[in-house]
Amino acid sequence: MSPRLFLHVLSVETRKLMSYRVEFWLNTAVGFLAQFGAIYFLWKAMFAESEHSIIGGYSFDEMLLYYVSAILLTKLVRGRERESALSQEIYEGSYTRYIIYPTSFFRYKYAQHLGALAPASVQVMVFGAAAAVAIGPRTLETISMTSVAMTMVIVAIANLLHFVMKAPVEGVAFWADNVWSLDVMLRFIIGILGGAMLPLDLYPTWAQELLVWLPFQYITYFPVRVLVGEVGGIDFAIGVAIALFWTAVFAGVVRIVWKRGDLQYTGVGI
């Protein structure tokens, strides 16, 4: 796919999403407030019950900062998954057109994925600013322009990593009538091992040492740590290298799954 076509597909998807501006903002606002409210009251109760001002190395404000960062950065990493659902193309039989088109199916779908993600970047900045006011400026002192720039790099890599991590699961649609349960299972695994549900600092030491070498923490936990200034240059380079390694691994798995899946595809849909 040429860069010009890639940008055109991205632009079309962005404009399509912004055609429904009220729904676009309302759904995100309600979702963010629901998540933030649940986290706020849950950890408020846990800190009160424990009678400690620090839990797992986090104060209450720092815990809020972690979860707000996790929610917003995960939104950038995962994007609007339904906009680029690969399995849906197989089930509907519309995958046929990509076989005929003189372009890469995955490049086309990734362009759609990024196009749906572009407006979400604006939402992240708006809700991030609102959350910063609510949490307080003192908690944000560790965030710098350098950490923000580094975060942008690792989020871009994490976005591609998450895309190729999901693709083999979506590819099971060549053989199975429904991949929804597998998708939910993968989301749960990424959430619990990637730090979206719980900071990995609260895990046993042996688990933290193991998760450093697995791909999951580079979806949420590592980008959050980079943002709040807890990752230095060498550790950042190592993290980027590990994330790129797993991206290449899953890209290889995608290639194998799709090559075999193409032999099973009939093009009739269900």
Protein backbone atom coordinates (compact mmCIF):
# COMPACT_ATOMS: atom_id res chain seq x y z
CA MET A 1 0.00 0.00 0.00
CA SER A 2 1.38 3.39 -0.99
CA PRO A 3 1.72 6.11 1.70
CA ARG A 4 -0.84 8.20 -0.19
CA LEU A 5 -3.47 5.45 -0.09
CA PHE A 6 -2.66 4.70 3.56
CA LEU A 7 -3.27 8.34 4.52
CA HIS A 8 -6.44 8.46 2.41
CA VAL A 9 -7.93 5.42 4.21
CA LEU A 10 -6.91 6.94 7.55
CA SER A 11 -8.57 10.25 6.63
CA VAL A 12 -11.80 8.61 5.48
CA GLU A 13 -12.10 6.62 8.71
CA THR A 14 -11.49 9.74 10.81
CA ARG A 15 -14.16 11.72 8.97
CA LYS A 16 -16.61 8.83 9.24
CA LEU A 17 -16.15 8.64 12.98
CA MET A 18 -16.54 12.40 13.41
CA SER A 19 -19.87 12.34 11.57
CA TYR A 20 -21.49 11.43 14.89
CA ARG A 21 -19.84 13.94 17.22
CA VAL A 22 -22.39 13.80 20.05
CA GLU A 23 -22.19 10.02 20.30
CA PHE A 24 -18.40 10.20 19.98
CA TRP A 25 -18.00 12.53 22.97
CA LEU A 26 -20.90 11.22 25.06
CA ASN A 27 -19.82 7.57 24.99
CA THR A 28 -16.26 8.45 25.93
CA ALA A 29 -17.28 10.87 28.69
CA VAL A 30 -19.67 8.39 30.29
CA GLY A 31 -17.14 5.58 30.05
CA PHE A 32 -14.31 7.65 31.51
CA LEU A 33 -16.41 8.99 34.39
CA ALA A 34 -17.70 5.50 35.22
CA GLN A 35 -14.18 4.04 35.28
CA PHE A 36 -12.71 6.97 37.21
CA GLY A 37 -15.58 6.93 39.73
CA ALA A 38 -15.24 3.21 40.37
CA ILE A 39 -11.48 3.49 40.84
CA TYR A 40 -11.77 6.56 43.08
CA PHE A 41 -14.25 5.05 45.54
CA LEU A 42 -12.64 1.60 45.50
CA TRP A 43 -9.18 2.87 46.41
CA LYS A 44 -10.58 5.48 48.78
CA ALA A 45 -12.17 2.63 50.74
CA MET A 46 -9.02 0.49 50.55
CA PHE A 47 -6.78 3.26 51.88
CA ALA A 48 -9.28 4.01 54.65
CA GLU A 49 -9.59 0.34 55.60
CA SER A 50 -5.84 -0.26 55.63
CA GLU A 51 -5.22 2.91 57.64
CA HIS A 52 -2.02 3.43 55.65
CA SER A 53 -1.14 6.46 53.55
CA ILE A 54 0.99 4.34 51.20
CA ILE A 55 -0.01 1.07 49.50
CA GLY A 56 2.47 -0.69 47.27
CA GLY A 57 4.57 2.46 47.07
CA TYR A 58 1.60 4.61 45.97
CA SER A 59 -0.16 7.38 47.85
CA PHE A 60 -3.87 7.84 47.10
CA ASP A 61 -3.20 10.68 44.64
CA GLU A 62 -0.43 8.71 42.95
CA MET A 63 -2.75 5.72 42.62
CA LEU A 64 -5.36 7.94 40.97
CA LEU A 65 -2.70 9.31 38.61
CA TYR A 66 -1.68 5.76 37.70
CA TYR A 67 -5.21 4.68 36.85
CA VAL A 68 -6.12 7.85 34.97
CA SER A 69 -2.94 7.48 32.91
CA ALA A 70 -3.69 3.78 32.37
CA ILE A 71 -7.24 4.50 31.17
CA LEU A 72 -6.18 7.23 28.75
CA LEU A 73 -3.06 5.54 27.38
CA THR A 74 -4.87 2.22 26.96
CA LYS A 75 -7.44 4.07 24.88
CA LEU A 76 -4.64 5.18 22.57
CA VAL A 77 -3.15 1.71 22.45
CA ARG A 78 -6.34 -0.23 21.81
CA GLY A 79 -8.25 2.37 19.82
CA ARG A 80 -11.76 1.57 18.62
CA GLU A 81 -11.27 -2.16 18.10
CA ARG A 82 -14.64 -2.68 16.45
CA GLU A 83 -13.68 -0.28 13.65
CA SER A 84 -10.97 -2.62 12.43
CA ALA A 85 -12.41 -6.01 13.48
CA LEU A 86 -10.76 -8.55 11.23
CA SER A 87 -13.08 -11.43 12.12
CA GLN A 88 -16.13 -9.46 11.00
CA GLU A 89 -14.75 -9.25 7.47
CA ILE A 90 -14.44 -13.04 7.41
CA TYR A 91 -17.90 -13.69 8.83
CA GLU A 92 -19.58 -11.29 6.42
CA GLY A 93 -17.64 -12.56 3.42
CA SER A 94 -16.35 -9.05 2.73
CA TYR A 95 -12.78 -10.31 3.14
CA THR A 96 -13.09 -11.33 -0.52
CA ARG A 97 -12.64 -7.77 -1.76
CA TYR A 98 -9.28 -7.49 0.01
CA ILE A 99 -8.09 -10.60 -1.80
CA ILE A 100 -8.97 -8.91 -5.07
CA TYR A 101 -7.62 -5.46 -4.16
CA PRO A 102 -3.99 -4.78 -5.15
CA THR A 103 -3.10 -3.84 -1.56
CA SER A 104 -2.28 -5.45 1.76
CA PHE A 105 -5.27 -6.43 3.89
CA PHE A 106 -3.47 -5.69 7.15
CA ARG A 107 -2.06 -2.36 6.03
CA TYR A 108 -5.56 -1.32 4.97
CA LYS A 109 -7.10 -2.41 8.27
CA TYR A 110 -4.32 -0.78 10.27
CA ALA A 111 -4.92 2.46 8.39
CA GLN A 112 -8.61 2.21 9.39
CA HIS A 113 -7.52 1.48 12.95
CA LEU A 114 -5.34 4.60 13.09
CA GLY A 115 -8.04 6.69 11.43
CA ALA A 116 -10.49 5.75 14.19
CA LEU A 117 -7.77 6.44 16.74
CA ALA A 118 -6.88 9.96 15.58
CA PRO A 119 -9.96 11.72 17.10
CA ALA A 120 -9.44 9.73 20.31
CA SER A 121 -6.12 11.53 20.76
CA VAL A 122 -8.03 14.78 21.19
CA GLN A 123 -10.26 13.17 23.80
CA VAL A 124 -7.24 11.89 25.70
CA MET A 125 -5.81 15.41 25.93
CA VAL A 126 -9.15 16.90 27.04
CA PHE A 127 -9.89 14.29 29.70
CA GLY A 128 -6.26 14.20 30.75
CA ALA A 129 -6.32 17.95 31.41
CA ALA A 130 -9.57 17.64 33.37
CA ALA A 131 -8.15 14.78 35.44
CA ALA A 132 -4.97 16.78 36.13
CA VAL A 133 -7.07 19.55 37.65
CA ALA A 134 -9.02 17.05 39.75
CA ILE A 135 -5.95 15.19 41.04
CA GLY A 136 -3.86 18.29 41.72
CA PRO A 137 -0.72 19.77 40.16
CA ARG A 138 1.67 18.46 42.83
CA THR A 139 1.04 14.87 41.75
CA LEU A 140 2.00 15.75 38.17
CA GLU A 141 5.44 17.16 38.99
CA THR A 142 7.26 14.06 37.68
CA ILE A 143 5.72 14.43 34.20
CA SER A 144 7.98 16.37 31.84
CA MET A 145 8.19 17.13 28.13
CA THR A 146 10.84 14.43 27.85
CA SER A 147 8.64 11.80 29.48
CA VAL A 148 5.72 12.82 27.27
CA ALA A 149 7.87 12.47 24.12
CA MET A 150 9.11 9.05 25.28
CA THR A 151 5.52 8.04 26.01
CA MET A 152 4.47 8.92 22.48
CA VAL A 153 7.15 6.57 21.13
CA ILE A 154 6.24 3.60 23.34
CA VAL A 155 2.49 4.14 22.82
CA ALA A 156 2.98 4.00 19.04
CA ILE A 157 4.85 0.71 19.42
CA ALA A 158 2.31 -0.62 21.92
CA ASN A 159 -0.50 0.23 19.52
CA LEU A 160 1.06 -1.89 16.77
CA LEU A 161 1.91 -4.64 19.29
CA HIS A 162 -1.70 -4.81 20.46
CA PHE A 163 -2.95 -4.89 16.86
CA VAL A 164 -0.76 -7.86 15.86
CA MET A 165 -1.46 -9.56 19.20
CA LYS A 166 -5.20 -9.52 18.49
CA ALA A 167 -4.95 -10.47 14.82
CA PRO A 168 -4.25 -14.22 15.34
CA VAL A 169 -7.25 -14.43 17.68
CA GLU A 170 -9.39 -12.72 15.05
CA GLY A 171 -7.98 -15.13 12.48
CA VAL A 172 -9.54 -18.07 14.33
CA ALA A 173 -12.73 -16.90 12.56
CA PHE A 174 -11.54 -18.90 9.55
CA TRP A 175 -12.28 -22.08 11.52
CA ALA A 176 -14.75 -21.08 14.28
CA ASP A 177 -18.23 -19.54 14.14
CA ASN A 178 -17.50 -17.11 16.98
CA VAL A 179 -14.28 -15.62 18.34
CA TRP A 180 -15.91 -13.24 20.82
CA SER A 181 -15.06 -15.38 23.86
CA LEU A 182 -11.42 -15.61 22.76
CA ASP A 183 -11.30 -11.85 22.31
CA VAL A 184 -12.71 -11.31 25.81
CA MET A 185 -10.20 -13.79 27.25
CA LEU A 186 -7.30 -11.99 25.55
CA ARG A 187 -8.56 -8.63 26.82
CA PHE A 188 -8.74 -10.02 30.37
CA ILE A 189 -5.22 -11.48 30.16
CA ILE A 190 -3.80 -8.22 28.83
CA GLY A 191 -5.67 -6.27 31.51
CA ILE A 192 -4.50 -8.34 34.46
CA LEU A 193 -0.93 -9.01 33.27
CA GLY A 194 -0.48 -5.64 31.58
CA GLY A 195 -1.27 -3.45 34.58
CA ALA A 196 -4.63 -2.03 33.51
CA MET A 197 -6.52 -3.69 36.35
CA LEU A 198 -3.80 -3.45 39.00
CA PRO A 199 -0.36 -1.81 39.09
CA LEU A 200 2.29 -4.49 38.64
CA ASP A 201 4.16 -3.05 41.65
CA LEU A 202 1.59 -4.85 43.81
CA TYR A 203 2.47 -8.24 42.31
CA PRO A 204 5.02 -10.62 43.91
CA THR A 205 8.63 -9.91 43.00
CA TRP A 206 8.99 -13.11 40.98
CA ALA A 207 5.93 -12.18 38.90
CA GLN A 208 7.28 -8.69 38.21
CA GLU A 209 10.61 -10.13 37.07
CA LEU A 210 8.82 -12.54 34.72
CA LEU A 211 6.42 -9.98 33.27
CA VAL A 212 9.32 -7.74 32.23
CA TRP A 213 10.11 -10.26 29.49
CA LEU A 214 6.50 -10.83 28.37
CA PRO A 215 4.61 -8.48 26.02
CA PHE A 216 1.66 -7.62 28.25
CA GLN A 217 3.12 -4.90 30.46
CA TYR A 218 4.16 -2.88 27.38
CA ILE A 219 0.48 -2.32 26.61
CA THR A 220 -0.31 -0.33 29.79
CA TYR A 221 2.09 -0.51 32.74
CA PHE A 222 5.31 0.41 30.97
CA PRO A 223 3.83 3.41 29.08
CA VAL A 224 2.35 4.72 32.35
CA ARG A 225 5.71 4.44 34.12
CA VAL A 226 7.38 6.23 31.22
CA LEU A 227 4.82 9.04 31.39
CA VAL A 228 5.28 9.67 35.11
CA GLY A 229 9.07 9.77 34.72
CA GLU A 230 9.95 6.46 36.39
CA VAL A 231 11.86 5.01 33.40
CA GLY A 232 15.34 6.21 32.48
CA GLY A 233 17.08 6.15 29.11
CA ILE A 234 18.63 2.67 29.34
CA ASP A 235 15.52 1.03 30.79
CA PHE A 236 13.42 2.77 28.17
CA ALA A 237 15.63 1.45 25.36
CA ILE A 238 15.43 -2.08 26.79
CA GLY A 239 11.64 -1.83 27.09
CA VAL A 240 11.31 -0.58 23.51
CA ALA A 241 13.53 -3.44 22.28
CA ILE A 242 11.43 -6.06 24.10
CA ALA A 243 8.18 -4.56 22.79
CA LEU A 244 9.55 -4.53 19.23
CA PHE A 245 10.71 -8.12 19.61
CA TRP A 246 7.22 -9.28 20.60
CA THR A 247 5.69 -7.21 17.81
CA ALA A 248 7.86 -9.11 15.33
CA VAL A 249 6.96 -12.44 16.95
CA PHE A 250 3.22 -11.83 16.74
CA ALA A 251 3.56 -10.47 13.21
CA GLY A 252 5.10 -13.83 12.29
CA VAL A 253 2.23 -15.68 13.97
CA VAL A 254 -0.27 -13.52 12.05
CA ARG A 255 1.43 -14.42 8.79
CA ILE A 256 1.18 -18.16 9.55
CA VAL A 257 -2.45 -18.03 10.74
CA TRP A 258 -3.62 -15.97 7.78
CA LYS A 259 -1.75 -18.08 5.26
CA ARG A 260 -3.48 -21.21 6.55
CA GLY A 261 -6.79 -19.40 7.00
CA ASP A 262 -6.87 -18.28 3.38
CA LEU A 263 -7.04 -21.96 2.40
CA GLN A 264 -10.19 -22.37 4.50
CA TYR A 265 -11.95 -19.19 3.35
CA THR A 266 -14.98 -19.69 1.08
CA GLY A 267 -16.17 -16.08 0.76
CA VAL A 268 -19.84 -16.85 1.43
CA GLY A 269 -20.06 -15.30 4.90
CA ILE A 270 -22.49 -16.54 7.56
